[in-house]
Amino acid sequence: MSRDRQIEALNELLKGEYMARDIYDKTKNIQGDEQVQNMLAKFQEDHDRHIQQLEDRIRQLGGEPQSGAGIAGTMANLSAMYKSLLGPDALLKQVYEGEKMGVDAYDDRLDALDPESLALVRRIKEEDHKHLQFFEERINQEKSTLR
């Protein structure tokens, strides 16, 4: 595993963290459901911390951290803002899918990482799994109230 490949993999993960953080930032105040607002704010803080950790690791490896989520992030933000206006159910489903894609992205890059980066990524991934569990529980609550 080359250092350049590790930096590239970590920057790809960093981009996803920016995307998640930005979506939560843009949608938390639009959402009328207080529990969802609080959850989005908490998860935004988690992703802010992940961004800092990944940036620090990239610098330790001698790389330059990517800044921002790029065009894909802008499109995801617009979609999430629209979904947040449709209510908590639509937003939760979209954000759940985004978190799931993020976890999958971590899984896809494990082989490119050195032991220290791997330990960091596993900690982040574990936290993102907790986000997924919350989303699943809340989506099931939404389904129950619709019956």
Protein backbone atom coordinates (compact mmCIF):
# COMPACT_ATOMS: atom_id res chain seq x y z
CA MET A 1 0.00 0.00 0.00
CA SER A 2 1.58 3.22 -1.13
CA ARG A 3 1.40 6.41 0.87
CA ASP A 4 -0.20 8.17 -2.11
CA ARG A 5 -2.93 5.51 -2.31
CA GLN A 6 -3.61 5.85 1.42
CA ILE A 7 -3.89 9.63 1.11
CA GLU A 8 -6.20 9.25 -1.89
CA ALA A 9 -8.43 6.79 -0.02
CA LEU A 10 -8.58 9.01 3.06
CA ASN A 11 -9.39 12.06 0.91
CA GLU A 12 -12.24 10.13 -0.73
CA LEU A 13 -13.61 9.35 2.73
CA LEU A 14 -13.08 12.96 3.78
CA LYS A 15 -15.23 14.11 0.86
CA GLY A 16 -18.07 11.90 2.11
CA GLU A 17 -17.73 13.31 5.61
CA TYR A 18 -17.99 16.85 4.23
CA MET A 19 -21.06 15.81 2.28
CA ALA A 20 -22.76 14.36 5.37
CA ARG A 21 -21.85 17.32 7.57
CA ASP A 22 -23.10 19.83 5.00
CA ILE A 23 -26.40 18.00 4.52
CA TYR A 24 -27.06 17.96 8.25
CA ASP A 25 -26.11 21.61 8.53
CA LYS A 26 -28.43 22.68 5.71
CA THR A 27 -31.43 20.59 6.76
CA LYS A 28 -31.48 20.64 10.55
CA ASN A 29 -33.14 24.06 10.82
CA ILE A 30 -35.59 23.46 8.00
CA GLN A 31 -36.90 20.31 9.64
CA GLY A 32 -39.89 20.96 11.91
CA ASP A 33 -39.50 17.81 13.99
CA GLU A 34 -37.47 18.67 17.10
CA GLN A 35 -36.14 15.14 17.62
CA VAL A 36 -34.92 15.05 14.01
CA GLN A 37 -33.39 18.55 14.39
CA ASN A 38 -31.48 17.46 17.49
CA MET A 39 -30.36 14.24 15.84
CA LEU A 40 -29.11 16.08 12.76
CA ALA A 41 -27.22 18.58 14.93
CA LYS A 42 -25.57 15.77 16.92
CA PHE A 43 -24.61 13.86 13.78
CA GLN A 44 -23.26 17.06 12.23
CA GLU A 45 -20.95 17.40 15.25
CA ASP A 46 -19.86 13.77 14.78
CA HIS A 47 -19.03 14.41 11.13
CA ASP A 48 -17.17 17.63 12.02
CA ARG A 49 -15.00 15.54 14.33
CA HIS A 50 -14.50 12.89 11.62
CA ILE A 51 -13.41 15.62 9.20
CA GLN A 52 -10.82 16.88 11.66
CA GLN A 53 -9.54 13.37 12.37
CA LEU A 54 -9.22 12.48 8.68
CA GLU A 55 -7.55 15.81 7.87
CA ASP A 56 -5.06 15.27 10.67
CA ARG A 57 -4.26 11.76 9.47
CA ILE A 58 -3.82 12.90 5.86
CA ARG A 59 -1.37 15.57 7.03
CA GLN A 60 0.51 13.02 9.15
CA LEU A 61 0.97 10.97 5.98
CA GLY A 62 2.34 14.04 4.19
CA GLY A 63 -0.77 14.74 2.14
CA GLU A 64 -3.03 17.70 1.57
CA PRO A 65 -6.62 17.22 2.78
CA GLN A 66 -9.37 17.87 0.28
CA SER A 67 -11.60 20.81 1.13
CA GLY A 68 -15.32 20.43 0.65
CA ALA A 69 -17.62 17.89 -0.94
CA GLY A 70 -17.46 19.12 -4.53
CA ILE A 71 -20.27 19.01 -7.11
CA ALA A 72 -21.68 15.73 -5.79
CA GLY A 73 -22.01 17.33 -2.38
CA THR A 74 -23.84 20.34 -3.80
CA MET A 75 -26.33 18.08 -5.57
CA ALA A 76 -26.83 15.97 -2.43
CA ASN A 77 -27.42 19.16 -0.40
CA LEU A 78 -30.09 20.41 -2.78
CA SER A 79 -31.85 17.07 -2.76
CA ALA A 80 -31.73 16.84 1.04
CA MET A 81 -33.09 20.37 1.44
CA TYR A 82 -36.00 19.49 -0.83
CA LYS A 83 -36.66 16.25 1.09
CA SER A 84 -36.57 18.08 4.41
CA LEU A 85 -39.47 20.22 3.22
CA LEU A 86 -41.47 17.04 2.55
CA GLY A 87 -41.24 16.03 6.19
CA PRO A 88 -39.17 13.87 8.48
CA ASP A 89 -39.95 10.57 6.75
CA ALA A 90 -38.61 11.67 3.34
CA LEU A 91 -35.54 13.30 4.87
CA LEU A 92 -34.76 10.36 7.14
CA LYS A 93 -34.88 7.93 4.23
CA GLN A 94 -32.50 10.04 2.16
CA VAL A 95 -30.09 10.68 5.00
CA TYR A 96 -30.16 6.98 5.92
CA GLU A 97 -29.16 6.09 2.35
CA GLY A 98 -26.37 8.66 2.45
CA GLU A 99 -25.01 7.30 5.74
CA LYS A 100 -25.21 3.75 4.36
CA MET A 101 -23.26 4.78 1.27
CA GLY A 102 -20.69 6.36 3.58
CA VAL A 103 -20.29 3.15 5.59
CA ASP A 104 -19.96 1.18 2.35
CA ALA A 105 -17.30 3.64 1.15
CA TYR A 106 -15.31 2.98 4.30
CA ASP A 107 -15.60 -0.78 3.73
CA ASP A 108 -14.43 -0.39 0.12
CA ARG A 109 -11.22 1.38 1.16
CA LEU A 110 -10.03 -0.72 4.10
CA ASP A 111 -7.44 -2.58 2.02
CA ALA A 112 -5.72 0.67 1.03
CA LEU A 113 -4.95 1.72 4.60
CA ASP A 114 -2.05 1.30 7.00
CA PRO A 115 -2.80 0.03 10.54
CA GLU A 116 -3.09 3.50 12.11
CA SER A 117 -5.43 4.80 9.39
CA LEU A 118 -7.38 1.55 9.54
CA ALA A 119 -7.96 1.95 13.29
CA LEU A 120 -9.21 5.51 12.74
CA VAL A 121 -11.52 4.46 9.92
CA ARG A 122 -12.96 1.62 11.98
CA ARG A 123 -13.78 4.02 14.83
CA ILE A 124 -15.49 6.42 12.43
CA LYS A 125 -17.36 3.57 10.76
CA GLU A 126 -18.60 2.30 14.13
CA GLU A 127 -20.00 5.73 14.93
CA ASP A 128 -21.68 5.93 11.52
CA HIS A 129 -23.27 2.53 12.20
CA LYS A 130 -24.84 4.08 15.29
CA HIS A 131 -26.25 6.83 13.07
CA LEU A 132 -27.77 4.15 10.83
CA GLN A 133 -29.37 2.44 13.82
CA PHE A 134 -30.97 5.70 14.91
CA PHE A 135 -32.29 6.32 11.41
CA GLU A 136 -33.71 2.80 11.20
CA GLU A 137 -35.49 3.21 14.54
CA ARG A 138 -36.88 6.61 13.60
CA ILE A 139 -38.00 5.46 10.13
CA ASN A 140 -39.82 2.56 11.77
CA GLN A 141 -41.48 5.02 14.17
CA GLU A 142 -42.62 7.11 11.20
CA LYS A 143 -44.06 4.01 9.52
CA SER A 144 -45.91 3.07 12.72
CA THR A 145 -47.58 6.47 12.96
CA LEU A 146 -48.73 6.24 9.33
CA ARG A 147 -50.59 2.97 9.89
